[in-house]
Amino acid sequence: MAIKTIAQFRTEATSEIESEKPKYAQRNNVRREYTDTEYDQAIEDRAQYKLDEQNNGYIRARQEAYA
């Protein structure tokens, strides 16, 4: 597997989030669609998660195997 950059993960996350629309947030029993800012944060969070998994997933898996 090739090493990806954060920009590549953002592109990937953007297409994933776009295909999952509409996403909803709920607070005080009021359901509403995500705002643009919340969609942007969801994309960034998913991209950062994927980058972390790429960079550290193997290490965590090995640590858990020895626990």
Protein backbone atom coordinates (compact mmCIF):
# COMPACT_ATOMS: atom_id res chain seq x y z
CA MET A 1 0.00 0.00 0.00
CA ALA A 2 1.31 3.43 -0.90
CA ILE A 3 1.70 6.05 1.78
CA LYS A 4 -0.96 8.76 1.40
CA THR A 5 -0.79 12.40 2.41
CA ILE A 6 -3.33 14.25 4.51
CA ALA A 7 -4.54 16.01 1.34
CA GLN A 8 -5.29 12.63 -0.26
CA PHE A 9 -7.14 11.49 2.85
CA ARG A 10 -9.15 14.74 2.85
CA THR A 11 -10.21 14.10 -0.74
CA GLU A 12 -11.19 10.54 0.15
CA ALA A 13 -13.05 11.65 3.28
CA THR A 14 -14.87 14.38 1.36
CA SER A 15 -16.27 11.92 -1.16
CA GLU A 16 -17.29 9.53 1.63
CA ILE A 17 -19.05 12.24 3.64
CA GLU A 18 -20.73 13.62 0.51
CA SER A 19 -22.15 10.17 -0.24
CA GLU A 20 -23.48 9.89 3.32
CA LYS A 21 -25.42 13.16 3.17
CA PRO A 22 -27.65 14.16 4.78
CA LYS A 23 -26.10 13.73 8.23
CA TYR A 24 -27.99 14.90 11.29
CA ALA A 25 -27.20 16.27 14.71
CA GLN A 26 -29.61 16.05 17.61
CA ARG A 27 -29.73 18.24 20.67
CA ASN A 28 -32.55 18.73 23.15
CA ASN A 29 -34.74 16.40 21.10
CA VAL A 30 -34.37 18.64 18.05
CA ARG A 31 -32.96 16.97 14.95
CA ARG A 32 -31.30 19.11 12.32
CA GLU A 33 -29.00 18.60 9.36
CA TYR A 34 -25.29 19.35 9.85
CA THR A 35 -24.17 22.88 9.07
CA ASP A 36 -21.40 23.47 6.52
CA THR A 37 -18.96 23.92 9.39
CA GLU A 38 -19.98 20.59 10.91
CA TYR A 39 -19.57 18.86 7.55
CA ASP A 40 -16.10 20.39 7.20
CA GLN A 41 -15.18 19.18 10.70
CA ALA A 42 -16.49 15.68 9.96
CA ILE A 43 -14.31 15.56 6.83
CA GLU A 44 -11.24 16.74 8.73
CA ASP A 45 -11.87 14.29 11.59
CA ARG A 46 -12.20 11.35 9.21
CA ALA A 47 -9.09 12.36 7.26
CA GLN A 48 -7.05 12.72 10.47
CA TYR A 49 -8.31 9.33 11.70
CA LYS A 50 -7.26 7.66 8.45
CA LEU A 51 -3.83 9.32 8.58
CA ASP A 52 -3.37 8.19 12.18
CA GLU A 53 -4.37 4.64 11.26
CA GLN A 54 -1.88 4.67 8.38
CA ASN A 55 0.93 5.98 10.56
CA ASN A 56 0.21 4.17 13.82
CA GLY A 57 -2.26 1.33 13.16
CA TYR A 58 0.43 -1.34 12.85
CA ILE A 59 2.10 -0.24 16.08
CA ARG A 60 -1.18 -0.33 18.03
CA ALA A 61 -2.07 -3.75 16.62
CA ARG A 62 1.31 -5.17 17.68
CA GLN A 63 0.98 -3.66 21.17
CA GLU A 64 -2.48 -5.17 21.57
CA ALA A 65 -1.20 -8.56 20.42
CA TYR A 66 1.27 -8.62 23.31
CA ALA A 67 -1.18 -7.33 25.94
